[in-house]
C-alpha atoms as a PDB file:
ATOM      1  CA  MET A   1     142.247 141.309 173.079  1.00  0.00           C
ATOM      2  CA  ASN A   2     138.711 143.078 173.796  1.00  0.00           C
ATOM      3  CA  PHE A   3     136.021 142.187 176.477  1.00  0.00           C
ATOM      4  CA  GLU A   4     133.389 141.287 173.492  1.00  0.00           C
ATOM      5  CA  GLU A   5     135.791 138.765 172.099  1.00  0.00           C
ATOM      6  CA  VAL A   6     137.036 137.584 175.655  1.00  0.00           C
ATOM      7  CA  ARG A   7     133.461 137.353 177.165  1.00  0.00           C
ATOM      8  CA  ARG A   8     132.546 135.031 173.787  1.00  0.00           C
ATOM      9  CA  HIS A   9     135.488 132.317 175.100  1.00  0.00           C
ATOM     10  CA  VAL A  10     134.551 132.243 178.739  1.00  0.00           C
ATOM     11  CA  THR A  11     130.383 132.283 178.763  1.00  0.00           C
ATOM     12  CA  GLY A  12     129.343 130.078 180.866  1.00  0.00           C
ATOM     13  CA  VAL A  13     132.004 129.315 183.222  1.00  0.00           C
ATOM     14  CA  PRO A  14     132.020 131.353 186.849  1.00  0.00           C
ATOM     15  CA  TYR A  15     132.877 132.767 188.856  1.00  0.00           C
ATOM     16  CA  ILE A  16     133.089 136.265 187.735  1.00  0.00           C
ATOM     17  CA  ASN A  17     129.431 137.941 186.568  1.00  0.00           C
ATOM     18  CA  PRO A  18     129.662 139.471 183.023  1.00  0.00           C
ATOM     19  CA  ARG A  19     129.405 143.245 184.593  1.00  0.00           C
ATOM     20  CA  ASN A  20     131.754 143.229 187.499  1.00  0.00           C
ATOM     21  CA  ALA A  21     134.304 141.851 184.040  1.00  0.00           C
ATOM     22  CA  LEU A  22     133.440 144.763 182.216  1.00  0.00           C
ATOM     23  CA  LYS A  23     133.836 147.736 184.989  1.00  0.00           C
ATOM     24  CA  LEU A  24     137.893 145.482 186.043  1.00  0.00           C
ATOM     25  CA  TYR A  25     138.259 145.347 182.232  1.00  0.00           C
ATOM     26  CA  ASP A  26     138.065 148.953 182.233  1.00  0.00           C
ATOM     27  CA  PHE A  27     139.297 150.347 184.803  1.00  0.00           C
ATOM     28  CA  ILE A  28     142.621 148.159 183.595  1.00  0.00           C
ATOM     29  CA  VAL A  29     142.309 150.068 180.356  1.00  0.00           C
ATOM     30  CA  GLU A  30     141.941 152.731 181.615  1.00  0.00           C
ATOM     31  CA  ASN A  31     144.397 153.366 183.310  1.00  0.00           C
ATOM     32  CA  ASP A  32     147.678 153.933 182.338  1.00  0.00           C
ATOM     33  CA  GLY A  33     149.858 152.807 185.685  1.00  0.00           C
ATOM     34  CA  ILE A  34     148.106 149.651 185.891  1.00  0.00           C
ATOM     35  CA  ARG A  35     151.031 147.502 184.614  1.00  0.00           C
ATOM     36  CA  ASP A  36     151.811 144.177 186.586  1.00  0.00           C
ATOM     37  CA  VAL A  37     148.645 143.311 188.680  1.00  0.00           C
ATOM     38  CA  LEU A  38     148.737 140.127 191.259  1.00  0.00           C
ATOM     39  CA  GLU A  39     145.254 137.880 191.509  1.00  0.00           C
ATOM     40  CA  LEU A  40     145.074 136.129 194.702  1.00  0.00           C
ATOM     41  CA  GLY A  41     141.585 133.481 194.219  1.00  0.00           C
ATOM     42  CA  PHE A  42     141.236 132.559 190.577  1.00  0.00           C
ATOM     43  CA  ALA A  43     139.189 129.413 190.578  1.00  0.00           C
ATOM     44  CA  HIS A  44     138.376 128.710 186.744  1.00  0.00           C
ATOM     45  CA  GLY A  45     140.032 131.470 185.314  1.00  0.00           C
ATOM     46  CA  THR A  46     137.763 133.752 184.084  1.00  0.00           C
ATOM     47  CA  ALA A  47     138.572 136.562 185.783  1.00  0.00           C
ATOM     48  CA  SER A  48     142.185 136.295 185.007  1.00  0.00           C
ATOM     49  CA  CYS A  49     141.398 136.134 180.788  1.00  0.00           C
ATOM     50  CA  TYR A  50     140.011 139.647 181.325  1.00  0.00           C
ATOM     51  CA  ILE A  51     142.367 140.938 183.277  1.00  0.00           C
ATOM     52  CA  ALA A  52     145.156 139.493 180.859  1.00  0.00           C
ATOM     53  CA  ALA A  53     142.596 140.725 177.257  1.00  0.00           C
ATOM     54  CA  ALA A  54     142.618 144.043 178.997  1.00  0.00           C
ATOM     55  CA  LEU A  55     146.667 144.004 179.543  1.00  0.00           C
ATOM     56  CA  GLU A  56     147.113 142.968 175.857  1.00  0.00           C
ATOM     57  CA  GLU A  57     144.684 145.987 175.039  1.00  0.00           C
ATOM     58  CA  LYS A  58     146.695 148.551 176.393  1.00  0.00           C
ATOM     59  CA  GLY A  59     149.891 147.146 175.319  1.00  0.00           C
ATOM     60  CA  GLY A  60     151.189 144.982 177.304  1.00  0.00           C
ATOM     61  CA  GLY A  61     151.354 143.817 181.359  1.00  0.00           C
ATOM     62  CA  ARG A  62     152.047 141.107 183.552  1.00  0.00           C
ATOM     63  CA  LEU A  63     149.224 139.152 185.240  1.00  0.00           C
ATOM     64  CA  VAL A  64     150.453 136.749 188.370  1.00  0.00           C
ATOM     65  CA  SER A  65     147.525 134.465 189.526  1.00  0.00           C
ATOM     66  CA  VAL A  66     147.882 132.359 192.417  1.00  0.00           C
ATOM     67  CA  ASP A  67     145.244 129.640 193.720  1.00  0.00           C
ATOM     68  CA  LEU A  68     145.405 126.260 195.885  1.00  0.00           C
ATOM     69  CA  THR A  69     147.162 123.276 194.300  1.00  0.00           C
ATOM     70  CA  GLU A  70     143.749 120.725 195.079  1.00  0.00           C
ATOM     71  CA  ALA A  71     142.131 123.756 192.770  1.00  0.00           C
ATOM     72  CA  ARG A  72     143.775 122.151 189.354  1.00  0.00           C
ATOM     73  CA  ASP A  73     141.620 118.893 189.896  1.00  0.00           C
ATOM     74  CA  VAL A  74     138.597 120.556 191.302  1.00  0.00           C
ATOM     75  CA  PHE A  75     137.858 123.871 188.853  1.00  0.00           C
ATOM     76  CA  LYS A  76     137.617 122.313 185.207  1.00  0.00           C
ATOM     77  CA  PRO A  77     137.827 124.311 182.564  1.00  0.00           C
ATOM     78  CA  SER A  78     141.142 124.924 184.564  1.00  0.00           C
ATOM     79  CA  ILE A  79     142.709 128.847 184.383  1.00  0.00           C
ATOM     80  CA  GLU A  80     145.541 126.542 182.259  1.00  0.00           C
ATOM     81  CA  ASP A  81     142.514 126.098 179.902  1.00  0.00           C
ATOM     82  CA  LEU A  82     140.560 129.372 179.306  1.00  0.00           C
ATOM     83  CA  LEU A  83     144.636 130.510 179.085  1.00  0.00           C
ATOM     84  CA  GLU A  84     145.083 128.401 176.081  1.00  0.00           C
ATOM     85  CA  ARG A  85     141.535 128.877 174.297  1.00  0.00           C
ATOM     86  CA  THR A  86     142.006 132.248 175.023  1.00  0.00           C
ATOM     87  CA  GLY A  87     145.467 133.234 173.888  1.00  0.00           C
ATOM     88  CA  LEU A  88     146.550 134.676 176.580  1.00  0.00           C
ATOM     89  CA  LYS A  89     148.680 131.881 178.036  1.00  0.00           C
ATOM     90  CA  ASP A  90     151.798 134.165 177.337  1.00  0.00           C
ATOM     91  CA  LEU A  91     150.303 137.304 179.564  1.00  0.00           C
ATOM     92  CA  VAL A  92     150.426 135.171 182.842  1.00  0.00           C
ATOM     93  CA  THR A  93     151.982 133.519 185.500  1.00  0.00           C
ATOM     94  CA  VAL A  94     150.207 130.880 186.997  1.00  0.00           C
ATOM     95  CA  HIS A  95     151.367 129.981 190.515  1.00  0.00           C
ATOM     96  CA  ARG A  96     149.338 126.922 192.815  1.00  0.00           C
ATOM     97  CA  GLU A  97     150.325 126.644 196.551  1.00  0.00           C
ATOM     98  CA  MET A  98     150.194 123.498 198.902  1.00  0.00           C
ATOM     99  CA  THR A  99     148.326 126.229 201.715  1.00  0.00           C
ATOM    100  CA  GLY A 100     146.960 129.128 200.199  1.00  0.00           C
ATOM    101  CA  TYR A 101     148.337 132.568 198.581  1.00  0.00           C
ATOM    102  CA  ASN A 102     149.707 133.542 201.988  1.00  0.00           C
ATOM    103  CA  TRP A 103     152.653 131.253 201.843  1.00  0.00           C
ATOM    104  CA  PHE A 104     153.298 132.595 197.774  1.00  0.00           C
ATOM    105  CA  LEU A 105     153.436 136.485 199.912  1.00  0.00           C
ATOM    106  CA  HIS A 106     155.709 135.071 201.790  1.00  0.00           C
ATOM    107  CA  ASN A 107     158.008 134.040 199.448  1.00  0.00           C
ATOM    108  CA  GLU A 108     157.512 137.314 197.502  1.00  0.00           C
ATOM    109  CA  ILE A 109     157.891 139.229 200.351  1.00  0.00           C
ATOM    110  CA  LYS A 110     161.123 137.631 201.209  1.00  0.00           C
ATOM    111  CA  VAL A 111     162.442 137.743 197.674  1.00  0.00           C
ATOM    112  CA  ASN A 112     162.195 141.437 196.783  1.00  0.00           C
ATOM    113  CA  THR A 113     163.333 142.275 200.023  1.00  0.00           C
ATOM    114  CA  THR A 114     167.539 143.792 200.473  1.00  0.00           C
ATOM    115  CA  ASP A 115     168.641 145.366 203.613  1.00  0.00           C
ATOM    116  CA  ASN A 116     165.277 145.055 205.826  1.00  0.00           C
ATOM    117  CA  VAL A 117     162.942 146.966 202.874  1.00  0.00           C
ATOM    118  CA  CYS A 118     160.639 144.711 200.970  1.00  0.00           C
ATOM    119  CA  MET A 119     160.460 146.439 197.053  1.00  0.00           C
ATOM    120  CA  PRO A 120     157.045 147.055 196.165  1.00  0.00           C
ATOM    121  CA  LYS A 121     156.179 145.854 192.902  1.00  0.00           C
ATOM    122  CA  TYR A 122     152.612 145.375 191.620  1.00  0.00           C
ATOM    123  CA  ASP A 123     150.131 148.098 190.012  1.00  0.00           C
ATOM    124  CA  LEU A 124     146.804 146.243 191.330  1.00  0.00           C
ATOM    125  CA  CYS A 125     146.023 143.414 193.908  1.00  0.00           C
ATOM    126  CA  ILE A 126     142.677 141.346 193.489  1.00  0.00           C
ATOM    127  CA  ILE A 127     141.518 138.986 196.721  1.00  0.00           C
ATOM    128  CA  ASP A 128     139.546 136.830 196.137  1.00  0.00           C
ATOM    129  CA  GLY A 129     140.100 133.927 198.567  1.00  0.00           C
ATOM    130  CA  PRO A 130     138.074 131.571 201.594  1.00  0.00           C
ATOM    131  CA  LYS A 131     136.682 135.453 202.154  1.00  0.00           C
ATOM    132  CA  ASN A 132     137.847 134.935 206.104  1.00  0.00           C
ATOM    133  CA  TRP A 133     138.892 137.172 208.626  1.00  0.00           C
ATOM    134  CA  THR A 134     142.676 135.314 209.444  1.00  0.00           C
ATOM    135  CA  ILE A 135     143.490 134.732 205.660  1.00  0.00           C
ATOM    136  CA  ASP A 136     141.943 137.514 204.116  1.00  0.00           C
ATOM    137  CA  GLY A 137     143.455 140.381 206.859  1.00  0.00           C
ATOM    138  CA  ALA A 138     146.959 138.840 206.813  1.00  0.00           C
ATOM    139  CA  ALA A 139     147.082 138.914 203.279  1.00  0.00           C
ATOM    140  CA  PHE A 140     145.942 142.422 203.217  1.00  0.00           C
ATOM    141  CA  PHE A 141     149.144 143.800 205.088  1.00  0.00           C
ATOM    142  CA  MET A 142     151.220 141.475 202.922  1.00  0.00           C
ATOM    143  CA  VAL A 143     149.618 143.015 199.903  1.00  0.00           C
ATOM    144  CA  ASP A 144     150.222 146.131 201.368  1.00  0.00           C
ATOM    145  CA  LYS A 145     154.088 145.293 201.315  1.00  0.00           C
ATOM    146  CA  LEU A 146     154.301 144.533 197.974  1.00  0.00           C
ATOM    147  CA  LEU A 147     151.904 146.870 196.614  1.00  0.00           C
ATOM    148  CA  LYS A 148     153.358 150.295 194.824  1.00  0.00           C
ATOM    149  CA  LYS A 149     152.100 153.499 196.067  1.00  0.00           C
ATOM    150  CA  ASP A 150     148.998 154.608 194.378  1.00  0.00           C
ATOM    151  CA  GLY A 151     148.616 151.336 194.202  1.00  0.00           C
ATOM    152  CA  TRP A 152     144.869 149.601 194.181  1.00  0.00           C
ATOM    153  CA  VAL A 153     143.259 146.799 195.996  1.00  0.00           C
ATOM    154  CA  ILE A 154     140.139 145.208 195.033  1.00  0.00           C
ATOM    155  CA  PHE A 155     138.244 142.265 197.623  1.00  0.00           C
ATOM    156  CA  ASP A 156     135.775 140.383 196.159  1.00  0.00           C
ATOM    157  CA  ASP A 157     132.350 139.139 198.220  1.00  0.00           C
ATOM    158  CA  TYR A 158     131.990 142.080 200.388  1.00  0.00           C
ATOM    159  CA  ALA A 159     129.455 140.761 201.776  1.00  0.00           C
ATOM    160  CA  TRP A 160     129.295 137.256 201.798  1.00  0.00           C
ATOM    161  CA  SER A 161     129.151 135.471 204.607  1.00  0.00           C
ATOM    162  CA  TYR A 162     129.435 131.712 206.089  1.00  0.00           C
ATOM    163  CA  ALA A 163     126.097 131.677 207.113  1.00  0.00           C
ATOM    164  CA  ASN A 164     124.720 131.883 203.566  1.00  0.00           C
ATOM    165  CA  ALA A 165     127.035 129.328 202.277  1.00  0.00           C
ATOM    166  CA  ALA A 166     125.373 126.609 204.614  1.00  0.00           C
ATOM    167  CA  LYS A 167     121.895 127.956 203.610  1.00  0.00           C
ATOM    168  CA  GLN A 168     122.679 126.785 199.974  1.00  0.00           C
ATOM    169  CA  GLY A 169     123.629 123.152 201.652  1.00  0.00           C
ATOM    170  CA  SER A 170     127.682 123.684 201.941  1.00  0.00           C
ATOM    171  CA  ASP A 171     129.168 121.877 205.093  1.00  0.00           C
ATOM    172  CA  SER A 172     133.053 123.683 204.176  1.00  0.00           C
ATOM    173  CA  THR A 173     134.356 126.691 202.285  1.00  0.00           C
ATOM    174  CA  ASP A 174     137.992 126.268 201.079  1.00  0.00           C
ATOM    175  CA  GLY A 175     138.430 123.818 203.848  1.00  0.00           C
ATOM    176  CA  ILE A 176     137.184 125.503 206.577  1.00  0.00           C
ATOM    177  CA  ALA A 177     134.131 123.889 208.627  1.00  0.00           C
ATOM    178  CA  HIS A 178     131.274 125.697 208.829  1.00  0.00           C
ATOM    179  CA  ARG A 179     131.335 123.627 212.180  1.00  0.00           C
ATOM    180  CA  SER A 180     134.302 124.610 213.422  1.00  0.00           C
ATOM    181  CA  LEU A 181     132.899 128.533 213.710  1.00  0.00           C
ATOM    182  CA  SER A 182     131.569 130.526 216.041  1.00  0.00           C
ATOM    183  CA  GLN A 183     127.961 132.020 215.439  1.00  0.00           C
ATOM    184  CA  ASP A 184     129.594 135.444 215.509  1.00  0.00           C
ATOM    185  CA  GLU A 185     132.118 133.873 212.197  1.00  0.00           C
ATOM    186  CA  LEU A 186     129.353 132.193 210.706  1.00  0.00           C
ATOM    187  CA  GLU A 187     127.165 135.497 210.201  1.00  0.00           C
ATOM    188  CA  MET A 188     129.208 138.021 209.469  1.00  0.00           C
ATOM    189  CA  PRO A 189     130.559 139.374 206.396  1.00  0.00           C
ATOM    190  CA  GLN A 190     134.327 138.567 207.120  1.00  0.00           C
ATOM    191  CA  ILE A 191     135.600 140.311 203.983  1.00  0.00           C
ATOM    192  CA  LYS A 192     133.179 143.940 204.967  1.00  0.00           C
ATOM    193  CA  GLU A 193     135.289 143.574 208.657  1.00  0.00           C
ATOM    194  CA  VAL A 194     138.863 143.320 206.622  1.00  0.00           C
ATOM    195  CA  PHE A 195     137.575 146.226 204.678  1.00  0.00           C
ATOM    196  CA  GLN A 196     136.482 148.262 207.298  1.00  0.00           C
ATOM    197  CA  LEU A 197     138.134 147.270 210.067  1.00  0.00           C
ATOM    198  CA  LEU A 198     141.610 146.928 208.574  1.00  0.00           C
ATOM    199  CA  VAL A 199     141.805 148.646 204.680  1.00  0.00           C
ATOM    200  CA  MET A 200     140.066 151.307 205.741  1.00  0.00           C
ATOM    201  CA  GLN A 201     141.252 152.867 209.449  1.00  0.00           C
ATOM    202  CA  HIS A 202     144.872 152.154 207.561  1.00  0.00           C
ATOM    203  CA  PRO A 203     147.122 155.581 206.964  1.00  0.00           C
ATOM    204  CA  LYS A 204     148.220 154.762 204.116  1.00  0.00           C
ATOM    205  CA  TYR A 205     145.233 154.083 201.656  1.00  0.00           C
ATOM    206  CA  GLY A 206     142.359 156.334 201.038  1.00  0.00           C
ATOM    207  CA  ASN A 207     139.328 156.521 198.033  1.00  0.00           C
ATOM    208  CA  PHE A 208     137.612 153.797 198.978  1.00  0.00           C
ATOM    209  CA  ARG A 209     134.689 152.670 197.136  1.00  0.00           C
ATOM    210  CA  ILE A 210     132.090 150.338 197.625  1.00  0.00           C
ATOM    211  CA  HIS A 211     130.195 148.169 194.585  1.00  0.00           C
ATOM    212  CA  GLY A 212     127.216 147.320 196.568  1.00  0.00           C
ATOM    213  CA  GLU A 213     125.681 145.629 193.214  1.00  0.00           C
ATOM    214  CA  GLY A 214     128.953 143.349 192.099  1.00  0.00           C
ATOM    215  CA  ASP A 215     130.129 143.089 196.063  1.00  0.00           C
ATOM    216  CA  TRP A 216     133.543 144.206 195.678  1.00  0.00           C
ATOM    217  CA  ALA A 217     135.273 146.617 197.773  1.00  0.00           C
ATOM    218  CA  TRP A 218     138.794 148.962 196.241  1.00  0.00           C
ATOM    219  CA  ALA A 219     141.128 150.966 198.191  1.00  0.00           C
ATOM    220  CA  GLN A 220     144.574 152.982 197.019  1.00  0.00           C
ATOM    221  CA  LYS A 221     147.481 153.380 198.323  1.00  0.00           C
ATOM    222  CA  THR A 222     147.706 157.118 198.997  1.00  0.00           C
ATOM    223  CA  ASP A 223     148.865 159.393 201.469  1.00  0.00           C
ATOM    224  CA  ASP A 224     146.578 162.188 200.273  1.00  0.00           C
ATOM    225  CA  PRO A 225     144.034 163.380 203.244  1.00  0.00           C
ATOM    226  CA  GLU A 226     141.924 164.825 200.588  1.00  0.00           C
ATOM    227  CA  LEU A 227     141.425 161.170 199.324  1.00  0.00           C
ATOM    228  CA  LYS A 228     140.389 159.535 202.622  1.00  0.00           C
ATOM    229  CA  ARG A 229     136.840 159.572 201.386  1.00  0.00           C
ATOM    230  CA  ALA A 230     134.325 156.354 200.682  1.00  0.00           C
ATOM    231  CA  THR A 231     131.572 156.107 198.273  1.00  0.00           C
ATOM    232  CA  ILE A 232     128.666 153.642 197.494  1.00  0.00           C
ATOM    233  CA  GLU A 233     128.667 153.014 193.752  1.00  0.00           C
ATOM    234  CA  TYR A 234     126.043 151.273 191.187  1.00  0.00           C
ATOM    235  CA  ASN A 235     125.018 151.099 188.138  1.00  0.00           C
ATOM    236  CA  ALA A 236     122.876 153.258 186.679  1.00  0.00           C
ATOM    237  CA  THR A 237     120.017 150.279 186.147  1.00  0.00           C
ATOM    238  CA  TYR A 238     120.416 149.546 189.975  1.00  0.00           C
ATOM    239  CA  LYS A 239     116.983 149.707 191.837  1.00  0.00           C
ATOM    240  CA  ASP A 240     116.952 153.066 193.704  1.00  0.00           C
ATOM    241  CA  GLY A 241     115.016 151.613 196.876  1.00  0.00           C
ATOM    242  CA  PHE A 242     117.457 148.535 197.244  1.00  0.00           C
ATOM    243  CA  SER A 243     120.568 151.342 196.869  1.00  0.00           C
ATOM    244  CA  ARG A 244     119.019 153.700 199.752  1.00  0.00           C
ATOM    245  CA  LEU A 245     118.710 150.346 202.000  1.00  0.00           C
ATOM    246  CA  PHE A 246     122.308 149.279 201.275  1.00  0.00           C
ATOM    247  CA  ALA A 247     123.484 153.025 201.657  1.00  0.00           C
ATOM    248  CA  ALA A 248     121.560 152.748 205.244  1.00  0.00           C
ATOM    249  CA  ALA A 249     123.191 149.508 206.278  1.00  0.00           C
ATOM    250  CA  ASN A 250     126.576 150.468 205.479  1.00  0.00           C
ATOM    251  CA  LYS A 251     126.911 154.425 207.427  1.00  0.00           C
ATOM    252  CA  VAL A 252     129.738 153.644 208.795  1.00  0.00           C
ATOM    253  CA  PHE A 253     132.406 155.950 206.116  1.00  0.00           C
ATOM    254  CA  LYS A 254     133.358 158.820 209.053  1.00  0.00           C
ATOM    255  CA  PHE A 255     136.955 159.889 209.064  1.00  0.00           C
ATOM    256  CA  ARG A 256     138.204 162.074 211.784  1.00  0.00           C
ATOM    257  CA  LYS A 257     141.913 164.016 211.596  1.00  0.00           C
ATOM    258  CA  THR A 258     143.715 162.924 214.225  1.00  0.00           C
END
């Protein structure tokens, strides 16, 4: 199924915007090595449909999508509704967990471990959950055990903060009460901290990409020292002034040999 066909089916359903959806769709279609995809956090399942369609377009693959059990009654239409609507349900396995995707990762690591070695199984993982240092920081290290060499991990909501959510009238996010957080935890973009302090410092990751307009961060699992670099990306339509401001605020991408 091509991109425009999926878009017609899911128009108006949050949360992925069409620009990010197209970037993800094209990335999967154009990379032959991406066949097994793990999606942590799916909400309505809009992104799930684009991922599944891209796999179908390239000739096959499998998407595993994970979210909270209680989210089934919150997000309408559901992922099951959208997969039925698009005819893509045979490409997707949906898992719902009581406490979130980290317990799913525990089970995956356990099932895929033999003689104290976990065998990787995924080519791409998208982490799009509570945007929390504790939860998503731990998720990265668990995903690393399941991610194949040269595989990719993508984080959504790179610049999101609890403070911004609070300004919009929310008093909690994904079960985390804002009043329980320190001022630093409220104001600091926690996915940005996960990416810069955990992912970018990891010796087995490189080819870092920050997509400023899409608020996404990408990293590739690689031991190639030539790929220990970071780029900030924008669409051609993005305003140069804001691009310069964003780049200036993120000049932390310096690496040294040890």
